[in-house]
Protein backbone atom coordinates (compact mmCIF):
# COMPACT_ATOMS: atom_id res chain seq x y z
CA UNK A 1 -22.21 31.29 54.92
CA UNK A 2 -19.03 29.19 54.69
CA UNK A 3 -20.27 26.86 51.96
CA UNK A 4 -17.03 24.91 51.65
CA UNK A 5 -16.96 24.00 55.34
CA UNK A 6 -20.70 23.32 55.36
CA UNK A 7 -20.44 20.85 52.45
CA UNK A 8 -17.42 19.13 54.00
CA UNK A 9 -19.14 18.80 57.38
CA UNK A 10 -22.26 17.40 55.73
CA UNK A 11 -20.26 14.83 53.74
CA UNK A 12 -18.62 13.48 56.88
CA UNK A 13 -21.92 13.50 58.76
CA UNK A 14 -23.39 11.37 55.96
CA UNK A 15 -20.45 8.94 56.08
CA UNK A 16 -21.04 8.66 59.81
CA UNK A 17 -24.80 8.21 59.29
CA UNK A 18 -24.34 4.87 57.50
CA UNK A 19 -25.00 2.15 60.11
CA UNK A 20 -21.76 0.70 61.47
CA UNK A 21 -22.93 -2.80 60.55
CA UNK A 22 -23.27 -1.82 56.86
CA UNK A 23 -20.06 0.16 56.38
CA UNK A 24 -17.82 -2.92 55.79
CA UNK A 25 -20.00 -3.95 52.80
CA UNK A 26 -20.14 -0.55 51.04
CA UNK A 27 -18.57 -1.33 47.66
CA UNK A 28 -18.57 2.13 46.06
CA UNK A 29 -19.64 5.75 46.47
CA UNK A 30 -20.75 8.39 43.96
CA UNK A 31 -22.10 11.87 44.66
CA UNK A 32 -24.49 14.17 42.83
CA UNK A 33 -24.13 17.92 43.18
CA UNK A 34 -25.72 21.09 41.91
CA UNK A 35 -24.86 21.75 38.30
CA UNK A 36 -22.64 24.80 37.74
CA UNK A 37 -21.68 25.24 41.39
CA UNK A 38 -18.02 26.11 40.81
CA UNK A 39 -15.02 25.83 43.12
CA UNK A 40 -11.48 26.87 42.12
CA UNK A 41 -8.70 25.20 44.09
CA UNK A 42 -4.93 25.74 44.28
CA UNK A 43 -3.50 22.32 43.43
CA UNK A 44 -0.37 22.99 45.51
CA UNK A 45 -1.99 24.15 48.76
CA UNK A 46 -5.31 22.35 48.04
CA UNK A 47 -7.08 25.46 49.37
CA UNK A 48 -9.90 27.34 47.62
CA UNK A 49 -8.75 30.44 45.74
CA UNK A 50 -12.07 32.20 46.23
CA UNK A 51 -15.50 31.57 47.68
CA UNK A 52 -17.55 29.08 45.60
CA UNK A 53 -19.80 30.38 42.83
CA UNK A 54 -23.25 28.91 43.50
CA UNK A 55 -25.37 27.27 40.78
CA UNK A 56 -27.84 30.18 40.48
CA UNK A 57 -25.28 33.00 40.54
CA UNK A 58 -24.94 35.00 37.36
CA UNK A 59 -21.69 36.58 36.13
CA UNK A 60 -22.89 39.06 33.52
CA UNK A 61 -19.44 40.67 33.43
CA UNK A 62 -18.05 37.55 31.73
CA UNK A 63 -20.93 36.93 29.33
CA UNK A 64 -19.77 39.14 26.41
CA UNK A 65 -16.34 37.48 26.40
CA UNK A 66 -17.84 33.98 26.57
CA UNK A 67 -20.25 34.81 23.73
CA UNK A 68 -17.32 36.04 21.64
CA UNK A 69 -15.56 32.63 21.76
CA UNK A 70 -18.43 30.10 21.96
CA UNK A 71 -20.85 29.10 19.18
CA UNK A 72 -24.14 31.01 19.14
CA UNK A 73 -26.83 29.68 21.54
CA UNK A 74 -24.27 27.37 23.23
CA UNK A 75 -25.05 26.27 26.80
CA UNK A 76 -22.15 28.34 28.15
CA UNK A 77 -23.74 31.54 26.74
CA UNK A 78 -25.66 32.10 29.94
CA UNK A 79 -24.46 34.26 32.82
CA UNK A 80 -24.88 31.38 35.29
CA UNK A 81 -22.82 28.87 33.26
CA UNK A 82 -19.68 27.40 34.79
CA UNK A 83 -17.60 28.95 32.02
CA UNK A 84 -18.89 32.46 32.81
CA UNK A 85 -17.95 31.87 36.44
CA UNK A 86 -14.48 30.68 35.44
CA UNK A 87 -13.93 33.68 33.14
CA UNK A 88 -15.20 36.10 35.79
CA UNK A 89 -12.79 34.61 38.34
CA UNK A 90 -9.91 34.61 35.84
CA UNK A 91 -10.38 38.31 35.08
CA UNK A 92 -10.70 39.37 38.73
CA UNK A 93 -8.07 37.17 40.46
CA UNK A 94 -4.65 38.83 40.61
CA UNK A 95 -2.29 36.18 42.03
CA UNK A 96 -0.63 33.36 40.07
CA UNK A 97 -3.14 31.09 38.37
CA UNK A 98 -0.71 28.42 37.18
CA UNK A 99 -1.61 25.84 39.83
CA UNK A 100 -5.37 26.52 39.84
CA UNK A 101 -7.91 23.82 38.98
CA UNK A 102 -11.67 24.07 38.52
CA UNK A 103 -13.99 21.63 40.26
CA UNK A 104 -17.76 21.31 40.46
CA UNK A 105 -19.48 20.68 43.79
CA UNK A 106 -19.66 16.89 43.26
CA UNK A 107 -16.04 16.79 41.99
CA UNK A 108 -14.78 18.59 45.08
CA UNK A 109 -16.68 16.37 47.52
CA UNK A 110 -15.48 13.22 45.74
CA UNK A 111 -11.91 14.58 45.78
CA UNK A 112 -12.09 14.75 49.57
CA UNK A 113 -12.67 10.99 49.46
CA UNK A 114 -10.24 9.85 46.74
CA UNK A 115 -7.52 12.55 46.75
CA UNK A 116 -6.96 12.85 42.96
CA UNK A 117 -7.46 16.51 42.13
CA UNK A 118 -9.02 17.55 38.82
CA UNK A 119 -11.47 14.78 37.87
CA UNK A 120 -15.04 15.41 36.72
CA UNK A 121 -17.83 13.74 34.72
CA UNK A 122 -19.40 14.76 31.42
CA UNK A 123 -22.70 15.81 33.04
CA UNK A 124 -21.09 18.29 35.45
CA UNK A 125 -18.62 19.48 32.79
CA UNK A 126 -21.33 20.35 30.24
CA UNK A 127 -21.76 23.96 31.42
CA UNK A 128 -18.02 24.66 31.34
CA UNK A 129 -18.10 23.80 27.63
CA UNK A 130 -17.37 20.06 27.43
CA UNK A 131 -18.86 18.49 24.28
CA UNK A 132 -20.54 15.17 25.22
CA UNK A 133 -21.12 14.29 21.56
CA UNK A 134 -17.43 14.63 20.63
CA UNK A 135 -16.42 13.40 24.13
CA UNK A 136 -13.84 16.17 24.46
CA UNK A 137 -13.38 19.85 25.18
CA UNK A 138 -13.85 21.85 21.94
CA UNK A 139 -10.86 23.59 20.32
CA UNK A 140 -12.36 27.05 20.90
CA UNK A 141 -12.21 26.36 24.65
CA UNK A 142 -8.82 24.64 24.73
CA UNK A 143 -7.26 27.67 23.00
CA UNK A 144 -8.14 29.96 25.93
CA UNK A 145 -5.49 31.00 28.50
CA UNK A 146 -7.47 29.43 31.36
CA UNK A 147 -7.90 26.00 29.71
CA UNK A 148 -5.33 24.43 32.06
CA UNK A 149 -7.87 24.82 34.88
CA UNK A 150 -10.30 22.41 33.21
CA UNK A 151 -10.66 19.01 34.91
CA UNK A 152 -10.24 15.71 33.11
CA UNK A 153 -13.61 14.19 32.23
CA UNK A 154 -14.91 10.63 32.66
CA UNK A 155 -18.26 8.95 32.12
CA UNK A 156 -20.52 9.25 35.19
CA UNK A 157 -20.09 6.20 37.41
CA UNK A 158 -16.45 5.57 36.45
CA UNK A 159 -13.95 4.39 39.07
CA UNK A 160 -11.53 7.14 40.12
CA UNK A 161 -9.77 5.33 42.94
CA UNK A 162 -10.24 3.86 46.39
CA UNK A 163 -11.27 5.78 49.47
CA UNK A 164 -8.36 7.56 51.17
CA UNK A 165 -6.83 5.49 53.94
CA UNK A 166 -7.30 8.04 56.74
CA UNK A 167 -11.02 8.47 55.97
CA UNK A 168 -11.57 4.74 55.46
CA UNK A 169 -10.05 3.86 58.83
CA UNK A 170 -11.78 6.75 60.62
CA UNK A 171 -15.23 5.55 59.57
CA UNK A 172 -14.67 1.82 59.11
CA UNK A 173 -15.20 1.45 55.34
CA UNK A 174 -13.60 -1.45 53.46
CA UNK A 175 -10.13 -1.21 51.95
CA UNK A 176 -11.46 -1.70 48.41
CA UNK A 177 -14.32 0.85 48.67
CA UNK A 178 -14.33 2.62 45.30
CA UNK A 179 -14.98 6.31 44.72
CA UNK A 180 -16.66 6.89 41.33
CA UNK A 181 -17.41 9.95 39.23
CA UNK A 182 -20.79 11.48 39.98
CA UNK A 183 -23.33 13.60 38.16
CA UNK A 184 -25.64 16.58 38.64
CA UNK A 185 -28.70 16.64 40.93
CA UNK A 186 -31.32 16.58 38.19
CA UNK A 187 -29.55 13.84 36.22
CA UNK A 188 -29.36 11.74 39.39
CA UNK A 189 -33.10 12.32 39.94
CA UNK A 190 -33.77 11.14 36.40
CA UNK A 191 -31.63 8.04 36.89
CA UNK A 192 -33.47 7.30 40.13
CA UNK A 193 -36.76 7.17 38.22
CA UNK A 194 -35.29 4.43 35.96
CA UNK A 195 -36.94 5.85 32.86
CA UNK A 196 -35.68 4.61 29.48
CA UNK A 197 -38.30 5.54 26.84
CA UNK A 198 -38.10 8.75 24.74
CA UNK A 199 -40.99 11.06 25.62
CA UNK A 200 -40.78 10.24 29.31
CA UNK A 201 -39.75 13.12 31.53
CA UNK A 202 -38.76 13.71 35.13
CA UNK A 203 -39.56 16.94 36.96
CA UNK A 204 -37.44 17.33 40.06
CA UNK A 205 -39.28 19.48 42.61
CA UNK A 206 -36.55 20.36 45.05
CA UNK A 207 -35.45 23.82 46.16
CA UNK A 208 -35.64 24.67 42.46
CA UNK A 209 -37.61 23.15 39.58
CA UNK A 210 -35.60 21.09 37.08
CA UNK A 211 -37.04 19.22 34.13
CA UNK A 212 -35.38 16.48 32.12
CA UNK A 213 -36.95 14.92 29.01
CA UNK A 214 -35.54 11.83 27.32
CA UNK A 215 -35.20 12.70 23.64
CA UNK A 216 -33.77 11.11 20.51
CA UNK A 217 -32.54 14.56 19.48
CA UNK A 218 -30.06 16.88 21.15
CA UNK A 219 -31.44 20.39 21.72
CA UNK A 220 -29.57 23.41 23.06
CA UNK A 221 -30.44 27.09 23.18
CA UNK A 222 -28.84 29.33 25.79
CA UNK A 223 -31.40 32.07 25.06
CA UNK A 224 -33.91 29.98 27.03
CA UNK A 225 -31.57 28.10 29.38
CA UNK A 226 -32.09 24.83 27.45
CA UNK A 227 -29.31 22.24 27.25
CA UNK A 228 -28.86 18.52 26.61
CA UNK A 229 -26.97 15.97 28.68
CA UNK A 230 -25.82 12.72 27.16
CA UNK A 231 -27.47 9.56 28.47
CA UNK A 232 -25.89 6.62 26.65
CA UNK A 233 -27.23 6.85 23.04
CA UNK A 234 -30.01 9.36 23.85
CA UNK A 235 -30.23 12.89 25.20
CA UNK A 236 -31.66 14.36 28.36
CA UNK A 237 -33.01 17.72 27.28
CA UNK A 238 -34.10 20.23 29.86
CA UNK A 239 -33.43 23.19 32.04
CA UNK A 240 -33.63 24.41 35.61
CA UNK A 241 -35.82 27.24 36.85
CA UNK A 242 -35.14 29.25 39.99
CA UNK A 243 -38.74 28.70 41.07
CA UNK A 244 -39.53 25.76 43.37
CA UNK A 245 -39.63 24.61 46.95
CA UNK A 246 -37.26 27.25 48.29
CA UNK A 247 -39.88 29.90 47.43
CA UNK A 248 -42.56 27.94 49.29
CA UNK A 249 -40.34 27.75 52.37
CA UNK A 250 -40.00 31.53 52.38
CA UNK A 251 -43.74 31.74 53.09
CA UNK A 252 -44.80 28.48 54.77
CA UNK A 253 -43.45 25.88 57.19
CA UNK A 254 -43.61 22.20 56.21
CA UNK A 255 -46.52 21.75 58.61
CA UNK A 256 -48.41 24.68 57.06
CA UNK A 257 -47.77 23.36 53.56
CA UNK A 258 -49.25 20.01 54.51
CA UNK A 259 -52.35 21.41 56.25
CA UNK A 260 -53.09 24.13 53.68
CA UNK A 261 -52.59 21.75 50.73
CA UNK A 262 -55.30 19.45 52.13
CA UNK A 263 -57.82 22.28 51.70
CA UNK A 264 -56.99 22.99 48.03
CA UNK A 265 -59.34 21.78 45.28
CA UNK A 266 -56.80 20.82 42.58
CA UNK A 267 -59.50 20.58 39.88
CA UNK A 268 -60.21 24.31 40.16
CA UNK A 269 -57.86 26.75 38.44
CA UNK A 270 -56.42 29.52 40.60
CA UNK A 271 -57.04 33.03 39.22
CA UNK A 272 -53.76 34.25 40.76
CA UNK A 273 -50.91 34.79 38.32
CA UNK A 274 -47.49 34.75 40.01
CA UNK A 275 -43.88 34.14 39.03
CA UNK A 276 -42.53 32.67 42.29
CA UNK A 277 -38.80 33.34 42.69
CA UNK A 278 -36.62 33.52 45.80
CA UNK A 279 -34.70 36.49 44.46
CA UNK A 280 -34.15 38.45 41.26
CA UNK A 281 -33.15 36.33 38.24
CA UNK A 282 -34.45 33.38 36.23
CA UNK A 283 -32.62 30.71 34.20
CA UNK A 284 -35.34 28.69 32.43
CA UNK A 285 -37.71 28.72 30.54
CA UNK A 286 -36.69 32.37 30.34
CA UNK A 287 -33.03 33.26 30.83
CA UNK A 288 -33.31 36.68 32.44
CA UNK A 289 -30.93 37.61 35.30
CA UNK A 290 -33.05 40.72 35.98
CA UNK A 291 -36.45 39.04 36.29
CA UNK A 292 -38.22 40.17 39.44
CA UNK A 293 -40.20 37.76 41.66
CA UNK A 294 -43.97 38.25 41.37
CA UNK A 295 -45.91 37.05 44.42
CA UNK A 296 -48.56 39.75 44.82
CA UNK A 297 -51.36 40.51 45.35
CA UNK A 298 -51.55 38.20 48.36
CA UNK A 299 -55.09 37.15 49.33
CA UNK A 300 -56.00 37.06 53.01
CA UNK A 301 -56.74 33.34 52.74
CA UNK A 302 -53.50 31.33 52.95
CA UNK A 303 -55.09 28.37 51.15
CA UNK A 304 -55.78 30.59 48.14
CA UNK A 305 -52.26 32.02 48.29
CA UNK A 306 -50.61 28.59 48.36
CA UNK A 307 -52.93 27.39 45.56
CA UNK A 308 -51.83 30.38 43.46
CA UNK A 309 -48.13 29.70 44.04
CA UNK A 310 -48.42 25.96 43.30
CA UNK A 311 -50.42 26.61 40.14
CA UNK A 312 -47.99 29.31 38.97
CA UNK A 313 -45.03 26.92 39.39
CA UNK A 314 -47.00 24.33 37.38
CA UNK A 315 -47.49 26.90 34.60
CA UNK A 316 -43.73 27.51 34.49
CA UNK A 317 -43.21 23.74 34.24
CA UNK A 318 -45.75 23.52 31.38
CA UNK A 319 -44.09 26.41 29.58
CA UNK A 320 -40.76 24.57 29.92
CA UNK A 321 -42.03 21.36 28.32
CA UNK A 322 -43.75 23.29 25.51
CA UNK A 323 -40.49 25.13 24.83
CA UNK A 324 -38.56 21.85 24.56
CA UNK A 325 -41.07 20.55 21.99
CA UNK A 326 -40.93 23.81 20.02
CA UNK A 327 -37.13 23.56 19.89
CA UNK A 328 -37.31 20.05 18.42
CA UNK A 329 -37.08 17.63 21.35
CA UNK A 330 -39.20 14.46 21.49
CA UNK A 331 -42.67 15.57 22.73
CA UNK A 332 -43.35 14.74 26.38
CA UNK A 333 -45.89 11.94 26.98
CA UNK A 334 -45.65 11.39 30.72
CA UNK A 335 -44.09 13.25 33.63
CA UNK A 336 -42.58 11.45 36.61
CA UNK A 337 -42.04 13.55 39.74
CA UNK A 338 -39.13 13.35 42.15
CA UNK A 339 -37.78 15.53 44.94
CA UNK A 340 -39.48 16.85 48.07
CA UNK A 341 -42.41 18.33 46.13
CA UNK A 342 -43.42 14.87 44.91
CA UNK A 343 -44.95 14.22 48.36
CA UNK A 344 -47.70 16.77 47.73
CA UNK A 345 -50.57 14.84 46.10
CA UNK A 346 -52.68 17.98 45.53
CA UNK A 347 -49.80 19.59 43.66
CA UNK A 348 -49.51 16.51 41.43
CA UNK A 349 -53.22 16.85 40.56
CA UNK A 350 -52.80 20.57 39.84
CA UNK A 351 -49.85 19.81 37.56
CA UNK A 352 -51.77 17.08 35.73
CA UNK A 353 -54.49 19.60 34.93
CA UNK A 354 -52.10 22.38 33.90
CA UNK A 355 -49.77 20.12 31.88
CA UNK A 356 -52.59 18.11 30.31
CA UNK A 357 -50.45 15.00 30.83
CA UNK A 358 -50.34 12.01 33.17
CA UNK A 359 -48.17 12.86 36.18
CA UNK A 360 -47.02 10.24 38.68
CA UNK A 361 -44.64 10.01 41.59
CA UNK A 362 -41.37 8.17 41.03
CA UNK A 363 -40.87 4.97 43.03
CA UNK A 364 -37.58 6.48 44.13
CA UNK A 365 -37.92 10.24 44.59
CA UNK A 366 -34.44 11.06 45.91
CA UNK A 367 -31.58 12.07 43.61
CA UNK A 368 -29.25 10.19 46.00
CA UNK A 369 -30.76 6.93 44.72
CA UNK A 370 -29.60 7.84 41.20
CA UNK A 371 -26.11 8.56 42.53
CA UNK A 372 -26.16 5.15 44.23
CA UNK A 373 -27.05 3.53 40.88
CA UNK A 374 -23.96 5.20 39.36
CA UNK A 375 -21.84 3.92 42.24
CA UNK A 376 -23.21 0.41 41.62
CA UNK A 377 -22.35 0.74 37.92
CA UNK A 378 -18.76 1.65 38.84
CA UNK A 379 -18.50 -1.27 41.25
CA UNK A 380 -19.91 -3.76 38.72
CA UNK A 381 -17.59 -2.56 35.94
CA UNK A 382 -14.62 -2.85 38.26
CA UNK A 383 -15.43 -6.47 39.13
CA UNK A 384 -16.49 -7.57 35.61
CA UNK A 385 -14.24 -10.29 34.17
CA UNK A 386 -11.97 -9.11 31.34
CA UNK A 387 -12.39 -10.56 27.84
């Protein structure tokens, strides 16, 4: 799969999808992308220096070196962290690295629109080692030989520049259309839910399962894939599991999921105990790159099988929230659901029973809505009168 070309094609398809009548009034654009999807670009040729490292890829070869320089339990001390991917690339790439720059998926897509290479946001930069509390890269990271690859970091929703002239004229966007720093998928999903009270959480049920809990306390422990993003004066504590909707799609079509779900009794517990993964490896609530998927035995009845998978994913979610509490985060009081899985009412009922908490669907279930809120923030700040 040529991921770079695929992402670029999709971006331009989306720009073209905006109705022609609305394009002249688009004030700003921000993009969310998968956390820790890493792209290394040559700043001279503007070409990728390797294939992208995807969010769920682990680089165990780099982990010992990263652990030797980073504080114990730091977010980067996980094989799938951006820093492990950078170190792995650094140690395996032979040509000159002087003009190389690291970008995350959202950074790279935004760069295609604004043309200023090497700009990121503090949500995407967290897993490369950026310290959101100090608002800087730590000294232990800046002292490394590859530190010149690190992008500059802004608050999410900060103006970077205007849309490039050739793209603007090609699609008919206004001359003053701003391009703003973005964020990660799960942060954007949380922002879309417009949740502001500590104890409120958002579970994003997309291709993977990501949980974010608003906490008054910052909690991090790489042993369990737990990390905290800054959200103004509070912290979004959470993690992302490799379980989720992508596993369901390996076994069922959307139509099958809908029809089979209707036949599930969500008040009855499934006796099946699975650990649904697409492939080997888990990130949270257990960080184990060698964990094997467990989806057997498979009953002959597909309704029972789906029930078992949905309930098993709910148990992983419950284990995640319990772990956050045990590590010192604000206890969860209510879970708001976003992403494609939020459409499944039976799954919501199963999760309510397993979590022992009220679970509701977000008014806005798409992470893109959260990215749009960031773009609006950037536009408003740019037009605010100066003191």
